[in-house]
Protein backbone atom coordinates (compact mmCIF):
# COMPACT_ATOMS: atom_id res chain seq x y z
CA MET A 1 8.81 -4.34 16.14
CA THR A 2 10.74 -7.31 14.68
CA PRO A 3 9.15 -10.06 12.62
CA THR A 4 8.29 -13.30 14.43
CA ALA A 5 8.25 -16.82 13.03
CA ASP A 6 4.63 -17.32 14.04
CA VAL A 7 3.30 -14.38 11.97
CA GLN A 8 3.70 -15.16 8.31
CA LEU A 9 1.58 -12.33 6.94
CA THR A 10 0.58 -8.85 8.09
CA VAL A 11 -2.26 -7.12 6.25
CA ALA A 12 -2.24 -3.37 6.94
CA LEU A 13 -5.09 -0.99 6.15
CA PRO A 14 -4.69 2.78 6.55
CA ALA A 15 -8.16 4.09 7.40
CA TYR A 16 -9.83 7.48 7.69
CA GLU A 17 -13.55 7.41 8.53
CA GLU A 18 -13.98 4.01 6.88
CA ALA A 19 -16.14 2.29 9.52
CA GLU A 20 -18.89 1.23 7.13
CA ASN A 21 -16.43 -0.19 4.64
CA LEU A 22 -14.46 -2.02 7.34
CA ARG A 23 -17.67 -3.55 8.66
CA MET A 24 -18.04 -5.31 5.29
CA LEU A 25 -14.35 -5.79 4.49
CA LEU A 26 -12.89 -7.32 7.65
CA PRO A 27 -15.00 -10.51 7.76
CA LEU A 28 -14.17 -11.17 4.09
CA LEU A 29 -10.48 -10.56 4.78
CA HIS A 30 -10.51 -12.99 7.70
CA GLU A 31 -12.21 -15.58 5.48
CA THR A 32 -9.58 -15.19 2.76
CA LEU A 33 -6.63 -15.31 5.14
CA THR A 34 -7.99 -18.32 7.00
CA GLY A 35 -8.33 -20.08 3.66
CA LEU A 36 -4.63 -19.51 2.97
CA GLY A 37 -3.72 -21.56 6.03
CA VAL A 38 -1.20 -18.99 7.26
CA THR A 39 -0.63 -17.28 10.57
CA TYR A 40 -1.58 -13.66 10.13
CA GLU A 41 -2.43 -10.35 11.73
CA ILE A 42 -4.61 -7.51 10.45
CA ILE A 43 -3.70 -3.95 11.42
CA VAL A 44 -5.98 -0.97 10.89
CA ALA A 45 -4.10 2.33 11.24
CA ASP A 46 -6.89 4.81 11.98
CA THR A 47 -7.07 8.55 12.62
CA GLU A 48 -5.18 10.06 15.57
CA THR A 49 -8.40 10.06 17.58
CA PRO A 50 -11.46 8.04 16.48
CA HIS A 51 -13.87 9.82 14.14
CA ASP A 52 -16.32 6.92 13.91
CA GLU A 53 -16.87 3.34 15.08
CA THR A 54 -13.68 1.96 13.55
CA PRO A 55 -12.15 0.92 16.94
CA GLU A 56 -15.30 -0.98 17.91
CA ILE A 57 -15.53 -2.68 14.51
CA CYS A 58 -11.89 -3.74 14.75
CA ALA A 59 -12.44 -5.15 18.23
CA ALA A 60 -15.52 -7.07 17.10
CA ASN A 61 -13.51 -8.61 14.25
CA GLY A 62 -10.37 -9.46 16.23
CA VAL A 63 -8.28 -6.88 14.39
CA ILE A 64 -5.48 -4.70 15.75
CA TRP A 65 -6.62 -1.07 15.89
CA LEU A 66 -3.95 1.63 16.05
CA ALA A 67 -4.18 5.42 16.17
CA ARG A 68 -1.80 6.77 13.59
CA ALA A 69 1.23 8.38 15.22
CA GLY A 70 3.00 11.57 14.20
CA GLY A 71 0.19 13.33 12.37
CA PRO A 72 -3.09 12.99 10.48
CA LEU A 73 -1.83 12.13 6.99
CA TYR A 74 -1.89 8.90 5.00
CA SER A 75 1.88 8.59 5.36
CA HIS A 76 1.56 8.60 9.14
CA ALA A 77 -0.86 5.68 8.93
CA VAL A 78 1.57 3.75 6.72
CA ARG A 79 4.50 4.33 9.05
CA THR A 80 2.39 3.45 12.10
CA ALA A 81 1.29 0.16 10.58
CA LEU A 82 4.81 -0.73 9.46
CA ALA A 83 6.28 -0.06 12.90
CA ALA A 84 3.76 -2.41 14.48
CA SER A 85 3.88 -5.15 11.84
CA ARG A 86 5.40 -8.54 12.64
CA GLY A 87 4.78 -10.49 9.46
CA GLN A 88 7.45 -12.08 7.33
CA TRP A 89 5.37 -10.65 4.50
CA VAL A 90 3.35 -7.44 4.51
CA ILE A 91 0.37 -6.50 2.36
CA PHE A 92 -0.99 -2.96 2.25
CA MET A 93 -4.51 -2.45 0.97
CA ASP A 94 -7.12 0.32 1.00
CA ALA A 95 -9.89 0.28 3.58
CA ASP A 96 -12.56 1.69 1.26
CA GLY A 97 -13.43 -1.56 -0.50
CA SER A 98 -11.64 -0.75 -3.77
CA HIS A 99 -9.12 -3.52 -3.06
CA SER A 100 -10.91 -6.86 -2.97
CA PRO A 101 -9.78 -9.09 -0.09
CA ARG A 102 -10.15 -12.06 -2.43
CA PHE A 103 -7.15 -10.79 -4.40
CA VAL A 104 -4.90 -11.28 -1.36
CA LYS A 105 -4.84 -14.98 -2.29
CA THR A 106 -3.54 -14.09 -5.76
CA LEU A 107 -0.80 -11.86 -4.37
CA TRP A 108 0.21 -14.46 -1.79
CA ALA A 109 0.56 -17.21 -4.41
CA GLU A 110 3.33 -15.22 -6.14
CA ARG A 111 5.39 -14.42 -3.04
CA ASP A 112 8.32 -16.69 -3.91
CA ARG A 113 8.57 -15.46 -7.50
CA ALA A 114 9.34 -11.80 -6.75
CA ASP A 115 10.57 -9.38 -4.12
CA LEU A 116 7.49 -7.18 -4.61
CA VAL A 117 4.11 -8.18 -6.03
CA ILE A 118 1.78 -5.41 -7.25
CA ALA A 119 -1.95 -5.57 -7.96
CA SER A 120 -1.75 -3.69 -11.25
CA ARG A 121 -4.42 -1.76 -13.10
CA TYR A 122 -2.18 -1.11 -16.09
CA VAL A 123 -1.01 -4.51 -17.30
CA PRO A 124 -3.14 -6.50 -19.77
CA GLY A 125 -6.28 -7.64 -17.99
CA GLY A 126 -6.17 -4.90 -15.35
CA LYS A 127 -8.72 -2.10 -15.12
CA THR A 128 -10.25 0.50 -12.82
CA GLU A 129 -13.84 1.48 -12.06
CA ASN A 130 -12.98 5.01 -10.94
CA PRO A 131 -14.58 8.13 -12.49
CA ALA A 132 -12.97 9.31 -15.74
CA ILE A 133 -11.16 12.27 -14.14
CA LEU A 134 -9.46 10.00 -11.60
CA ILE A 135 -8.51 7.50 -14.29
CA PHE A 136 -7.01 10.30 -16.40
CA LEU A 137 -4.98 11.73 -13.51
CA SER A 138 -3.81 8.28 -12.47
CA LEU A 139 -2.64 7.47 -16.00
CA ILE A 140 -0.67 10.73 -16.17
CA VAL A 141 0.98 10.03 -12.82
CA ASN A 142 1.89 6.50 -13.75
CA VAL A 143 3.28 7.26 -17.20
CA VAL A 144 5.32 10.29 -16.08
CA PHE A 145 6.63 8.65 -12.91
CA ARG A 146 7.50 5.46 -14.78
CA VAL A 147 9.42 7.30 -17.51
CA VAL A 148 11.13 9.94 -15.38
CA LEU A 149 12.08 7.56 -12.60
CA GLY A 150 12.95 4.65 -14.86
CA LEU A 151 10.70 2.21 -13.03
CA ASN A 152 10.19 -1.21 -14.53
CA CYS A 153 6.50 -1.49 -13.73
CA ALA A 154 3.25 -0.18 -15.17
CA ASP A 155 1.34 0.72 -11.99
CA VAL A 156 3.46 2.84 -9.67
CA SER A 157 0.67 4.35 -7.57
CA ASN A 158 -1.60 1.50 -6.50
CA SER A 159 -0.93 0.75 -2.84
CA PHE A 160 -2.22 -2.85 -3.00
CA ARG A 161 1.09 -4.71 -2.82
CA LEU A 162 2.82 -7.64 -1.18
CA TYR A 163 6.22 -6.82 0.32
CA ARG A 164 8.93 -8.82 2.01
CA GLY A 165 8.56 -7.62 5.60
CA ASP A 166 12.24 -7.05 6.28
CA ASP A 167 12.63 -5.05 3.06
CA VAL A 168 9.81 -2.59 3.64
CA ARG A 169 10.46 -2.20 7.38
CA SER A 170 14.09 -1.29 6.68
CA LEU A 171 13.14 1.85 4.74
CA ILE A 172 13.44 5.36 6.14
CA LEU A 173 10.36 7.00 4.67
CA GLU A 174 10.21 10.77 4.18
CA CYS A 175 7.14 11.57 2.07
CA GLU A 176 4.22 13.15 3.85
CA ASN A 177 1.06 11.93 2.17
CA PHE A 178 -0.15 9.56 -0.55
CA ASP A 179 3.17 9.90 -2.39
CA ILE A 180 4.67 7.58 0.23
CA VAL A 181 3.34 4.80 -2.02
CA GLU A 182 5.66 5.88 -4.84
CA GLU A 183 8.50 6.52 -2.39
CA ILE A 184 8.37 2.95 -1.14
CA LEU A 185 8.48 1.65 -4.69
CA VAL A 186 11.41 3.85 -5.71
CA LYS A 187 13.48 3.01 -2.65
CA LEU A 188 12.86 -0.72 -2.97
CA ALA A 189 13.34 -0.87 -6.74
CA PHE A 190 16.84 0.58 -6.45
CA SER A 191 17.77 -0.98 -3.11
CA ARG A 192 19.91 -3.70 -4.72
CA PRO A 193 21.25 -4.48 -8.18
CA VAL A 194 18.48 -6.98 -8.94
CA TYR A 195 15.09 -6.32 -7.39
CA ARG A 196 12.28 -8.44 -8.81
CA ILE A 197 8.89 -6.76 -9.30
CA LYS A 198 5.91 -8.77 -10.50
CA GLU A 199 2.60 -7.21 -11.56
CA LEU A 200 -0.68 -9.10 -11.61
CA PRO A 201 -3.76 -7.84 -13.50
CA PHE A 202 -6.25 -6.41 -11.03
CA THR A 203 -9.61 -4.63 -11.13
CA PHE A 204 -9.66 -1.52 -8.95
CA GLU A 205 -13.28 -1.27 -7.78
CA LYS A 206 -15.34 1.75 -6.78
CA ARG A 207 -15.27 2.55 -3.07
CA LYS A 208 -18.15 0.86 -1.31
CA ALA A 209 -19.20 3.70 1.04
CA GLY A 210 -18.11 7.19 2.12
CA TYR A 211 -15.99 9.59 0.08
CA THR A 212 -12.42 9.84 -1.10
CA LYS A 213 -9.93 11.69 1.12
CA ARG A 214 -7.76 12.74 -1.83
CA ASP A 215 -7.85 16.46 -2.60
CA LEU A 216 -7.35 16.68 -6.37
CA LEU A 217 -6.31 20.35 -6.32
CA ALA A 218 -3.75 19.76 -3.58
CA PHE A 219 -2.50 16.72 -5.48
CA ALA A 220 -2.03 18.74 -8.67
CA VAL A 221 -0.13 21.50 -6.85
CA SER A 222 2.24 19.04 -5.18
CA TYR A 223 2.73 16.86 -8.27
CA VAL A 224 5.95 18.44 -9.57
CA GLY A 225 7.50 18.64 -6.11
CA THR A 226 6.76 14.98 -5.49
CA LEU A 227 8.36 13.97 -8.77
CA VAL A 228 11.52 16.01 -8.07
CA ARG A 229 11.79 14.57 -4.58
CA LEU A 230 11.37 10.99 -5.79
CA HIS A 231 13.96 11.53 -8.54
CA ARG A 232 16.42 12.59 -5.84
CA LEU A 233 15.49 9.53 -3.76
CA LYS A 234 16.10 7.29 -6.79
CA ARG A 235 19.55 8.83 -7.35
CA LEU A 236 20.52 8.37 -3.70
CA ALA A 237 19.23 4.81 -3.67
CA ARG A 238 21.27 3.97 -6.75
CA ILE A 239 24.42 5.49 -5.26
CA SER A 240 23.94 3.43 -2.09
CA VAL A 241 24.01 0.13 -4.03
CA LEU A 242 26.98 0.92 -6.29
CA PRO A 243 30.00 -1.33 -5.59
CA SER A 244 32.71 0.45 -3.62
């Protein structure tokens, strides 16, 4: 779907059994977006078939509900939401309450100063309320990915970001699960000679209800493969922007 002049901002939320969190989150998100004075749409990319009351909660809050297409994974939700998005700008955020809707205003205020704005846990002033094991794993991922991939940002794995709609919709995304977050960053960062990334200090809160869908063992097993794949993607992206 192509962007339209009357939709300035799309907010996309991949969701998997997050009905209780969405019940609290969506009214706050509407309040924040209305306060910005922009035309907007909210898209919830849910499971392939409903597991809970998420469709009904979306309908009650005037939100677009979509069944994720192509499979059950997080990456399928991201691609589904992107394909349906119409905004000149696109924000992705988690549906579990860890990403405060109030922070959307902060991201939006920086839209003309960068090509990508990241809610960052790892710049001065940022922090996370996750359990220690998750903080430790996240720090390892971010340090290794940042160094190996040569990324000029501190937080490579937080999905709470503001993108230029045309930029992110133009990507051909290959990763199959949560690593699509890093894939998007790598492909955009090396998509042109100068790509401006701005990070804003952000507090990553504990999820409000339910349980995480991340399998730590599966993540650990796939870690090296993800890094190798993203290094290849970086090399190809760089080649594609070299002058002929």
